[in-house]
């Protein structure tokens, strides 16, 4: 599970704080025009790759909808 909290949106860059499994915090910047991202704190790399895949896929979905919620929980089974 990953919790997202919107920190800022400026131009074509959106920044979220993420909390992985209620333990590790980090930040991700996502350029919704190019689809490029930058994880500022590498805490998510301590988890399986699927966590990063889910995070980036959700940000891409937000971008496609042109909606960036203030908070969101990504959960999967």
C-alpha atoms as a PDB file:
ATOM      1  CA  UNK A   1       0.000   0.000   0.000  1.00  0.00           C
ATOM      2  CA  UNK A   2       1.197   3.502  -0.806  1.00  0.00           C
ATOM      3  CA  UNK A   3      -0.376   6.662   0.532  1.00  0.00           C
ATOM      4  CA  UNK A   4       0.013   9.847  -1.509  1.00  0.00           C
ATOM      5  CA  UNK A   5      -0.239  13.432  -0.304  1.00  0.00           C
ATOM      6  CA  UNK A   6      -0.036  16.297  -2.798  1.00  0.00           C
ATOM      7  CA  UNK A   7       2.701  18.760  -1.867  1.00  0.00           C
ATOM      8  CA  UNK A   8       2.722  21.066  -4.882  1.00  0.00           C
ATOM      9  CA  UNK A   9       1.811  21.524  -8.514  1.00  0.00           C
ATOM     10  CA  UNK A  10       3.787  24.021 -10.536  1.00  0.00           C
ATOM     11  CA  UNK A  11       3.690  24.231 -14.301  1.00  0.00           C
ATOM     12  CA  UNK A  12       3.856  20.682 -15.593  1.00  0.00           C
ATOM     13  CA  UNK A  13       5.433  19.242 -12.415  1.00  0.00           C
ATOM     14  CA  UNK A  14       3.462  17.702  -9.590  1.00  0.00           C
ATOM     15  CA  UNK A  15       5.125  16.691  -6.302  1.00  0.00           C
ATOM     16  CA  UNK A  16       3.721  14.095  -3.947  1.00  0.00           C
ATOM     17  CA  UNK A  17       4.890  12.770  -0.632  1.00  0.00           C
ATOM     18  CA  UNK A  18       4.485   9.008  -0.517  1.00  0.00           C
ATOM     19  CA  UNK A  19       4.309   6.718   2.480  1.00  0.00           C
ATOM     20  CA  UNK A  20       5.043   3.048   1.788  1.00  0.00           C
ATOM     21  CA  UNK A  21       3.344   0.491   4.039  1.00  0.00           C
ATOM     22  CA  UNK A  22       2.921   3.180   6.747  1.00  0.00           C
ATOM     23  CA  UNK A  23       6.690   3.012   7.300  1.00  0.00           C
ATOM     24  CA  UNK A  24       8.909   4.779   4.783  1.00  0.00           C
ATOM     25  CA  UNK A  25       8.413   8.307   3.470  1.00  0.00           C
ATOM     26  CA  UNK A  26       9.743   9.906   0.348  1.00  0.00           C
ATOM     27  CA  UNK A  27       8.872  12.360  -2.393  1.00  0.00           C
ATOM     28  CA  UNK A  28       8.266  11.915  -6.076  1.00  0.00           C
ATOM     29  CA  UNK A  29       8.165  14.602  -8.744  1.00  0.00           C
ATOM     30  CA  UNK A  30       6.252  13.759 -11.893  1.00  0.00           C
ATOM     31  CA  UNK A  31       6.317  15.730 -15.137  1.00  0.00           C
ATOM     32  CA  UNK A  32       2.864  15.139 -16.554  1.00  0.00           C
ATOM     33  CA  UNK A  33       3.803  16.378 -20.030  1.00  0.00           C
ATOM     34  CA  UNK A  34       6.807  14.093 -20.536  1.00  0.00           C
ATOM     35  CA  UNK A  35       5.948  11.253 -18.147  1.00  0.00           C
ATOM     36  CA  UNK A  36       9.358  11.508 -16.498  1.00  0.00           C
ATOM     37  CA  UNK A  37       9.666  11.166 -12.757  1.00  0.00           C
ATOM     38  CA  UNK A  38      12.238  11.622 -10.032  1.00  0.00           C
ATOM     39  CA  UNK A  39      12.127   9.941  -6.658  1.00  0.00           C
ATOM     40  CA  UNK A  40      13.937  12.323  -4.329  1.00  0.00           C
ATOM     41  CA  UNK A  41      14.412   9.893  -1.484  1.00  0.00           C
ATOM     42  CA  UNK A  42      15.176   6.345  -2.492  1.00  0.00           C
ATOM     43  CA  UNK A  43      13.152   4.756   0.324  1.00  0.00           C
ATOM     44  CA  UNK A  44      10.866   3.016  -2.156  1.00  0.00           C
ATOM     45  CA  UNK A  45      13.795   1.019  -3.550  1.00  0.00           C
ATOM     46  CA  UNK A  46      13.833  -0.998  -0.302  1.00  0.00           C
ATOM     47  CA  UNK A  47      10.578  -2.585  -1.481  1.00  0.00           C
ATOM     48  CA  UNK A  48       9.842  -4.826  -4.470  1.00  0.00           C
ATOM     49  CA  UNK A  49       9.869  -3.125  -7.870  1.00  0.00           C
ATOM     50  CA  UNK A  50       6.087  -3.473  -8.065  1.00  0.00           C
ATOM     51  CA  UNK A  51       5.731  -0.608  -5.556  1.00  0.00           C
ATOM     52  CA  UNK A  52       7.465   1.855  -7.857  1.00  0.00           C
ATOM     53  CA  UNK A  53       5.520   0.503 -10.843  1.00  0.00           C
ATOM     54  CA  UNK A  54       2.200   1.062  -9.038  1.00  0.00           C
ATOM     55  CA  UNK A  55       3.260   4.554  -7.949  1.00  0.00           C
ATOM     56  CA  UNK A  56       4.275   5.723 -11.427  1.00  0.00           C
ATOM     57  CA  UNK A  57       1.255   4.076 -13.078  1.00  0.00           C
ATOM     58  CA  UNK A  58      -1.080   5.942 -10.721  1.00  0.00           C
ATOM     59  CA  UNK A  59       0.647   9.256 -11.432  1.00  0.00           C
ATOM     60  CA  UNK A  60       0.288   8.588 -15.167  1.00  0.00           C
ATOM     61  CA  UNK A  61      -3.416   7.852 -14.615  1.00  0.00           C
ATOM     62  CA  UNK A  62      -3.830  11.136 -12.721  1.00  0.00           C
ATOM     63  CA  UNK A  63      -2.118  12.875 -15.632  1.00  0.00           C
ATOM     64  CA  UNK A  64      -4.398  11.261 -18.228  1.00  0.00           C
ATOM     65  CA  UNK A  65      -7.431  12.403 -16.243  1.00  0.00           C
ATOM     66  CA  UNK A  66      -5.836  15.812 -15.587  1.00  0.00           C
ATOM     67  CA  UNK A  67      -6.811  15.392 -11.942  1.00  0.00           C
ATOM     68  CA  UNK A  68      -4.304  15.408  -9.101  1.00  0.00           C
ATOM     69  CA  UNK A  69      -6.060  14.613  -5.816  1.00  0.00           C
ATOM     70  CA  UNK A  70      -4.824  16.056  -2.522  1.00  0.00           C
ATOM     71  CA  UNK A  71      -4.538  12.556  -1.086  1.00  0.00           C
ATOM     72  CA  UNK A  72      -4.914   9.056  -2.455  1.00  0.00           C
ATOM     73  CA  UNK A  73      -4.242   5.499  -1.315  1.00  0.00           C
ATOM     74  CA  UNK A  74      -2.877   2.959  -3.793  1.00  0.00           C
ATOM     75  CA  UNK A  75      -3.717  -0.571  -2.692  1.00  0.00           C
ATOM     76  CA  UNK A  76      -3.436  -3.860  -4.527  1.00  0.00           C
ATOM     77  CA  UNK A  77      -3.566  -7.560  -3.766  1.00  0.00           C
END
